[in-house]
Amino acid sequence: MSQTFKTRSTEMNLMNENLARAQMSARLGEAQQLRRGHQLVRARRLSRKAEQAAQQARLALARAL
């Protein structure tokens, strides 16, 4: 009886550890997706700023001529 109890106890501990690992893995995946999203937003913003600066430079050159 005590051997069966130990086996079940060990199995429960392993199940809890596996669940914790799965949850941690899911949270890490979510964090990586958020970082990629933020990086994409930042890249788009910088791209728009660069396009605006280039357009202003073209306008300034056109006015100077």
PDB file of N, CA and C in Angstrom:
ATOM      1  N   MET A   1       0.830  -1.197   0.000  1.00  0.00           N
ATOM      2  CA  MET A   1       0.000   0.000   0.000  1.00  0.00           C
ATOM      3  C   MET A   1       0.866   1.249   0.000  1.00  0.00           C
ATOM      4  N   SER A   2       1.906   1.260   0.819  1.00  0.00           N
ATOM      5  CA  SER A   2       2.720   2.469   0.881  1.00  0.00           C
ATOM      6  C   SER A   2       3.498   2.673  -0.419  1.00  0.00           C
ATOM      7  N   GLN A   3       3.873   1.577  -1.090  1.00  0.00           N
ATOM      8  CA  GLN A   3       4.574   1.698  -2.373  1.00  0.00           C
ATOM      9  C   GLN A   3       3.640   2.332  -3.416  1.00  0.00           C
ATOM     10  N   THR A   4       2.376   1.930  -3.421  1.00  0.00           N
ATOM     11  CA  THR A   4       1.395   2.489  -4.348  1.00  0.00           C
ATOM     12  C   THR A   4       1.216   3.976  -4.066  1.00  0.00           C
ATOM     13  N   PHE A   5       1.160   4.337  -2.781  1.00  0.00           N
ATOM     14  CA  PHE A   5       1.007   5.743  -2.399  1.00  0.00           C
ATOM     15  C   PHE A   5       2.205   6.558  -2.879  1.00  0.00           C
ATOM     16  N   LYS A   6       3.428   6.001  -2.705  1.00  0.00           N
ATOM     17  CA  LYS A   6       4.634   6.706  -3.145  1.00  0.00           C
ATOM     18  C   LYS A   6       4.629   6.885  -4.661  1.00  0.00           C
ATOM     19  N   THR A   7       4.217   5.860  -5.368  1.00  0.00           N
ATOM     20  CA  THR A   7       4.179   5.931  -6.826  1.00  0.00           C
ATOM     21  C   THR A   7       3.193   7.002  -7.284  1.00  0.00           C
ATOM     22  N   ARG A   8       2.020   7.002  -6.673  1.00  0.00           N
ATOM     23  CA  ARG A   8       1.020   8.013  -7.042  1.00  0.00           C
ATOM     24  C   ARG A   8       1.499   9.408  -6.669  1.00  0.00           C
ATOM     25  N   SER A   9       2.132   9.524  -5.531  1.00  0.00           N
ATOM     26  CA  SER A   9       2.646  10.818  -5.093  1.00  0.00           C
ATOM     27  C   SER A   9       3.701  11.326  -6.074  1.00  0.00           C
ATOM     28  N   THR A  10       4.591  10.433  -6.490  1.00  0.00           N
ATOM     29  CA  THR A  10       5.629  10.804  -7.450  1.00  0.00           C
ATOM     30  C   THR A  10       4.994  11.198  -8.782  1.00  0.00           C
ATOM     31  N   GLU A  11       3.992  10.439  -9.219  1.00  0.00           N
ATOM     32  CA  GLU A  11       3.317  10.759 -10.477  1.00  0.00           C
ATOM     33  C   GLU A  11       2.644  12.124 -10.410  1.00  0.00           C
ATOM     34  N   MET A  12       2.029  12.430  -9.274  1.00  0.00           N
ATOM     35  CA  MET A  12       1.370  13.732  -9.119  1.00  0.00           C
ATOM     36  C   MET A  12       2.407  14.860  -9.168  1.00  0.00           C
ATOM     37  N   ASN A  13       3.536  14.650  -8.505  1.00  0.00           N
ATOM     38  CA  ASN A  13       4.588  15.668  -8.527  1.00  0.00           C
ATOM     39  C   ASN A  13       5.094  15.894  -9.949  1.00  0.00           C
ATOM     40  N   LEU A  14       5.285  14.800 -10.685  1.00  0.00           N
ATOM     41  CA  LEU A  14       5.745  14.928 -12.067  1.00  0.00           C
ATOM     42  C   LEU A  14       4.709  15.639 -12.931  1.00  0.00           C
ATOM     43  N   MET A  15       3.437  15.339 -12.703  1.00  0.00           N
ATOM     44  CA  MET A  15       2.383  16.019 -13.457  1.00  0.00           C
ATOM     45  C   MET A  15       2.389  17.511 -13.161  1.00  0.00           C
ATOM     46  N   ASN A  16       2.557  17.876 -11.881  1.00  0.00           N
ATOM     47  CA  ASN A  16       2.593  19.284 -11.507  1.00  0.00           C
ATOM     48  C   ASN A  16       3.803  19.983 -12.120  1.00  0.00           C
ATOM     49  N   GLU A  17       4.941  19.320 -12.132  1.00  0.00           N
ATOM     50  CA  GLU A  17       6.141  19.901 -12.745  1.00  0.00           C
ATOM     51  C   GLU A  17       5.940  20.092 -14.240  1.00  0.00           C
ATOM     52  N   ASN A  18       5.361  19.102 -14.903  1.00  0.00           N
ATOM     53  CA  ASN A  18       5.107  19.218 -16.340  1.00  0.00           C
ATOM     54  C   ASN A  18       4.141  20.357 -16.646  1.00  0.00           C
ATOM     55  N   LEU A  19       3.116  20.495 -15.818  1.00  0.00           N
ATOM     56  CA  LEU A  19       2.163  21.591 -15.997  1.00  0.00           C
ATOM     57  C   LEU A  19       2.859  22.937 -15.828  1.00  0.00           C
ATOM     58  N   ALA A  20       3.700  23.047 -14.805  1.00  0.00           N
ATOM     59  CA  ALA A  20       4.427  24.297 -14.574  1.00  0.00           C
ATOM     60  C   ALA A  20       5.341  24.614 -15.754  1.00  0.00           C
ATOM     61  N   ARG A  21       6.016  23.605 -16.283  1.00  0.00           N
ATOM     62  CA  ARG A  21       6.888  23.821 -17.454  1.00  0.00           C
ATOM     63  C   ARG A  21       6.082  24.284 -18.656  1.00  0.00           C
ATOM     64  N   ALA A  22       4.944  23.672 -18.882  1.00  0.00           N
ATOM     65  CA  ALA A  22       4.103  24.038 -20.023  1.00  0.00           C
ATOM     66  C   ALA A  22       3.604  25.473 -19.893  1.00  0.00           C
ATOM     67  N   GLN A  23       3.199  25.858 -18.688  1.00  0.00           N
ATOM     68  CA  GLN A  23       2.727  27.222 -18.467  1.00  0.00           C
ATOM     69  C   GLN A  23       3.856  28.231 -18.666  1.00  0.00           C
ATOM     70  N   MET A  24       5.042  27.907 -18.172  1.00  0.00           N
ATOM     71  CA  MET A  24       6.178  28.807 -18.328  1.00  0.00           C
ATOM     72  C   MET A  24       6.538  28.952 -19.803  1.00  0.00           C
ATOM     73  N   SER A  25       6.510  27.850 -20.523  1.00  0.00           N
ATOM     74  CA  SER A  25       6.814  27.880 -21.952  1.00  0.00           C
ATOM     75  C   SER A  25       5.795  28.748 -22.697  1.00  0.00           C
ATOM     76  N   ALA A  26       4.533  28.617 -22.345  1.00  0.00           N
ATOM     77  CA  ALA A  26       3.490  29.419 -22.988  1.00  0.00           C
ATOM     78  C   ALA A  26       3.698  30.901 -22.699  1.00  0.00           C
ATOM     79  N   ARG A  27       4.037  31.231 -21.469  1.00  0.00           N
ATOM     80  CA  ARG A  27       4.256  32.647 -21.117  1.00  0.00           C
ATOM     81  C   ARG A  27       5.479  33.210 -21.829  1.00  0.00           C
ATOM     82  N   LEU A  28       6.522  32.410 -21.957  1.00  0.00           N
ATOM     83  CA  LEU A  28       7.708  32.870 -22.691  1.00  0.00           C
ATOM     84  C   LEU A  28       7.362  33.122 -24.161  1.00  0.00           C
ATOM     85  N   GLY A  29       6.556  32.238 -24.729  1.00  0.00           N
ATOM     86  CA  GLY A  29       6.127  32.427 -26.111  1.00  0.00           C
ATOM     87  C   GLY A  29       5.323  33.704 -26.280  1.00  0.00           C
ATOM     88  N   GLU A  30       4.421  33.969 -25.345  1.00  0.00           N
ATOM     89  CA  GLU A  30       3.626  35.201 -25.397  1.00  0.00           C
ATOM     90  C   GLU A  30       4.522  36.431 -25.287  1.00  0.00           C
ATOM     91  N   ALA A  31       5.502  36.383 -24.401  1.00  0.00           N
ATOM     92  CA  ALA A  31       6.420  37.516 -24.224  1.00  0.00           C
ATOM     93  C   ALA A  31       7.217  37.766 -25.503  1.00  0.00           C
ATOM     94  N   GLN A  32       7.651  36.699 -26.155  1.00  0.00           N
ATOM     95  CA  GLN A  32       8.400  36.863 -27.411  1.00  0.00           C
ATOM     96  C   GLN A  32       7.517  37.471 -28.485  1.00  0.00           C
ATOM     97  N   GLN A  33       6.261  37.060 -28.560  1.00  0.00           N
ATOM     98  CA  GLN A  33       5.346  37.630 -29.553  1.00  0.00           C
ATOM     99  C   GLN A  33       5.132  39.120 -29.289  1.00  0.00           C
ATOM    100  N   LEU A  34       4.992  39.481 -28.025  1.00  0.00           N
ATOM    101  CA  LEU A  34       4.811  40.898 -27.685  1.00  0.00           C
ATOM    102  C   LEU A  34       6.035  41.713 -28.087  1.00  0.00           C
ATOM    103  N   ARG A  35       7.229  41.152 -27.818  1.00  0.00           N
ATOM    104  CA  ARG A  35       8.454  41.868 -28.196  1.00  0.00           C
ATOM    105  C   ARG A  35       8.534  42.052 -29.704  1.00  0.00           C
ATOM    106  N   ARG A  36       8.201  40.992 -30.451  1.00  0.00           N
ATOM    107  CA  ARG A  36       8.228  41.100 -31.924  1.00  0.00           C
ATOM    108  C   ARG A  36       7.233  42.153 -32.388  1.00  0.00           C
ATOM    109  N   GLY A  37       6.071  42.192 -31.773  1.00  0.00           N
ATOM    110  CA  GLY A  37       5.060  43.190 -32.129  1.00  0.00           C
ATOM    111  C   GLY A  37       5.552  44.600 -31.858  1.00  0.00           C
ATOM    112  N   HIS A  38       6.177  44.804 -30.709  1.00  0.00           N
ATOM    113  CA  HIS A  38       6.703  46.129 -30.369  1.00  0.00           C
ATOM    114  C   HIS A  38       7.821  46.526 -31.326  1.00  0.00           C
ATOM    115  N   GLN A  39       8.668  45.569 -31.681  1.00  0.00           N
ATOM    116  CA  GLN A  39       9.756  45.863 -32.613  1.00  0.00           C
ATOM    117  C   GLN A  39       9.203  46.247 -33.975  1.00  0.00           C
ATOM    118  N   LEU A  40       8.158  45.571 -34.418  1.00  0.00           N
ATOM    119  CA  LEU A  40       7.551  45.874 -35.707  1.00  0.00           C
ATOM    120  C   LEU A  40       6.940  47.272 -35.696  1.00  0.00           C
ATOM    121  N   VAL A  41       6.241  47.604 -34.627  1.00  0.00           N
ATOM    122  CA  VAL A  41       5.646  48.937 -34.508  1.00  0.00           C
ATOM    123  C   VAL A  41       6.736  50.000 -34.534  1.00  0.00           C
ATOM    124  N   ARG A  42       7.814  49.770 -33.800  1.00  0.00           N
ATOM    125  CA  ARG A  42       8.911  50.737 -33.757  1.00  0.00           C
ATOM    126  C   ARG A  42       9.560  50.892 -35.128  1.00  0.00           C
ATOM    127  N   ALA A  43       9.745  49.785 -35.831  1.00  0.00           N
ATOM    128  CA  ALA A  43      10.353  49.840 -37.162  1.00  0.00           C
ATOM    129  C   ALA A  43       9.461  50.617 -38.131  1.00  0.00           C
ATOM    130  N   ARG A  44       8.165  50.389 -38.063  1.00  0.00           N
ATOM    131  CA  ARG A  44       7.240  51.124 -38.938  1.00  0.00           C
ATOM    132  C   ARG A  44       7.273  52.616 -38.632  1.00  0.00           C
ATOM    133  N   ARG A  45       7.306  52.945 -37.345  1.00  0.00           N
ATOM    134  CA  ARG A  45       7.341  54.358 -36.946  1.00  0.00           C
ATOM    135  C   ARG A  45       8.613  55.024 -37.468  1.00  0.00           C
ATOM    136  N   LEU A  46       9.754  54.348 -37.302  1.00  0.00           N
ATOM    137  CA  LEU A  46      11.018  54.916 -37.783  1.00  0.00           C
ATOM    138  C   LEU A  46      11.015  55.029 -39.302  1.00  0.00           C
ATOM    139  N   SER A  47      10.413  54.073 -39.977  1.00  0.00           N
ATOM    140  CA  SER A  47      10.328  54.122 -41.435  1.00  0.00           C
ATOM    141  C   SER A  47       9.509  55.329 -41.883  1.00  0.00           C
ATOM    142  N   ARG A  48       8.383  55.566 -41.219  1.00  0.00           N
ATOM    143  CA  ARG A  48       7.560  56.733 -41.562  1.00  0.00           C
ATOM    144  C   ARG A  48       8.333  58.030 -41.338  1.00  0.00           C
ATOM    145  N   LYS A  49       9.072  58.093 -40.232  1.00  0.00           N
ATOM    146  CA  LYS A  49       9.866  59.301 -39.950  1.00  0.00           C
ATOM    147  C   LYS A  49      10.920  59.511 -41.024  1.00  0.00           C
ATOM    148  N   ALA A  50      11.558  58.426 -41.454  1.00  0.00           N
ATOM    149  CA  ALA A  50      12.581  58.527 -42.497  1.00  0.00           C
ATOM    150  C   ALA A  50      11.954  58.983 -43.810  1.00  0.00           C
ATOM    151  N   GLU A  51      10.779  58.459 -44.147  1.00  0.00           N
ATOM    152  CA  GLU A  51      10.095  58.872 -45.367  1.00  0.00           C
ATOM    153  C   GLU A  51       9.718  60.348 -45.304  1.00  0.00           C
ATOM    154  N   GLN A  52       9.247  60.795 -44.152  1.00  0.00           N
ATOM    155  CA  GLN A  52       8.889  62.207 -43.990  1.00  0.00           C
ATOM    156  C   GLN A  52      10.117  63.101 -44.121  1.00  0.00           C
ATOM    157  N   ALA A  53      11.223  62.676 -43.540  1.00  0.00           N
ATOM    158  CA  ALA A  53      12.455  63.459 -43.626  1.00  0.00           C
ATOM    159  C   ALA A  53      12.932  63.525 -45.075  1.00  0.00           C
ATOM    160  N   ALA A  54      12.838  62.421 -45.793  1.00  0.00           N
ATOM    161  CA  ALA A  54      13.248  62.409 -47.196  1.00  0.00           C
ATOM    162  C   ALA A  54      12.345  63.325 -48.016  1.00  0.00           C
ATOM    163  N   GLN A  55      11.056  63.294 -47.755  1.00  0.00           N
ATOM    164  CA  GLN A  55      10.116  64.168 -48.476  1.00  0.00           C
ATOM    165  C   GLN A  55      10.413  65.636 -48.186  1.00  0.00           C
ATOM    166  N   GLN A  56      10.690  65.966 -46.944  1.00  0.00           N
ATOM    167  CA  GLN A  56      11.027  67.351 -46.595  1.00  0.00           C
ATOM    168  C   GLN A  56      12.319  67.785 -47.277  1.00  0.00           C
ATOM    169  N   ALA A  57      13.290  66.876 -47.359  1.00  0.00           N
ATOM    170  CA  ALA A  57      14.545  67.195 -48.026  1.00  0.00           C
ATOM    171  C   ALA A  57      14.290  67.453 -49.513  1.00  0.00           C
ATOM    172  N   ARG A  58      13.437  66.637 -50.135  1.00  0.00           N
ATOM    173  CA  ARG A  58      13.120  66.838 -51.554  1.00  0.00           C
ATOM    174  C   ARG A  58      12.414  68.183 -51.773  1.00  0.00           C
ATOM    175  N   LEU A  59      11.494  68.516 -50.887  1.00  0.00           N
ATOM    176  CA  LEU A  59      10.792  69.796 -50.991  1.00  0.00           C
ATOM    177  C   LEU A  59      11.762  70.970 -50.825  1.00  0.00           C
ATOM    178  N   ALA A  60      12.646  70.852 -49.854  1.00  0.00           N
ATOM    179  CA  ALA A  60      13.627  71.925 -49.627  1.00  0.00           C
ATOM    180  C   ALA A  60      14.531  72.082 -50.848  1.00  0.00           C
ATOM    181  N   LEU A  61      14.921  70.989 -51.443  1.00  0.00           N
ATOM    182  CA  LEU A  61      15.773  71.051 -52.644  1.00  0.00           C
ATOM    183  C   LEU A  61      15.007  71.680 -53.804  1.00  0.00           C
ATOM    184  N   ALA A  62      13.727  71.303 -53.952  1.00  0.00           N
ATOM    185  CA  ALA A  62      12.916  71.845 -55.021  1.00  0.00           C
ATOM    186  C   ALA A  62      12.737  73.358 -54.847  1.00  0.00           C
ATOM    187  N   ARG A  63      12.563  73.807 -53.607  1.00  0.00           N
ATOM    188  CA  ARG A  63      12.399  75.252 -53.359  1.00  0.00           C
ATOM    189  C   ARG A  63      13.693  76.005 -53.645  1.00  0.00           C
ATOM    190  N   ALA A  64      14.806  75.348 -53.369  1.00  0.00           N
ATOM    191  CA  ALA A  64      16.099  76.015 -53.562  1.00  0.00           C
ATOM    192  C   ALA A  64      16.422  76.190 -55.039  1.00  0.00           C
ATOM    193  N   LEU A  65      15.876  75.362 -55.897  1.00  0.00           N
ATOM    194  CA  LEU A  65      16.177  75.463 -57.319  1.00  0.00           C
ATOM    195  C   LEU A  65      15.348  76.469 -58.023  1.00  0.00           C
TER     196      LEU A  65
END
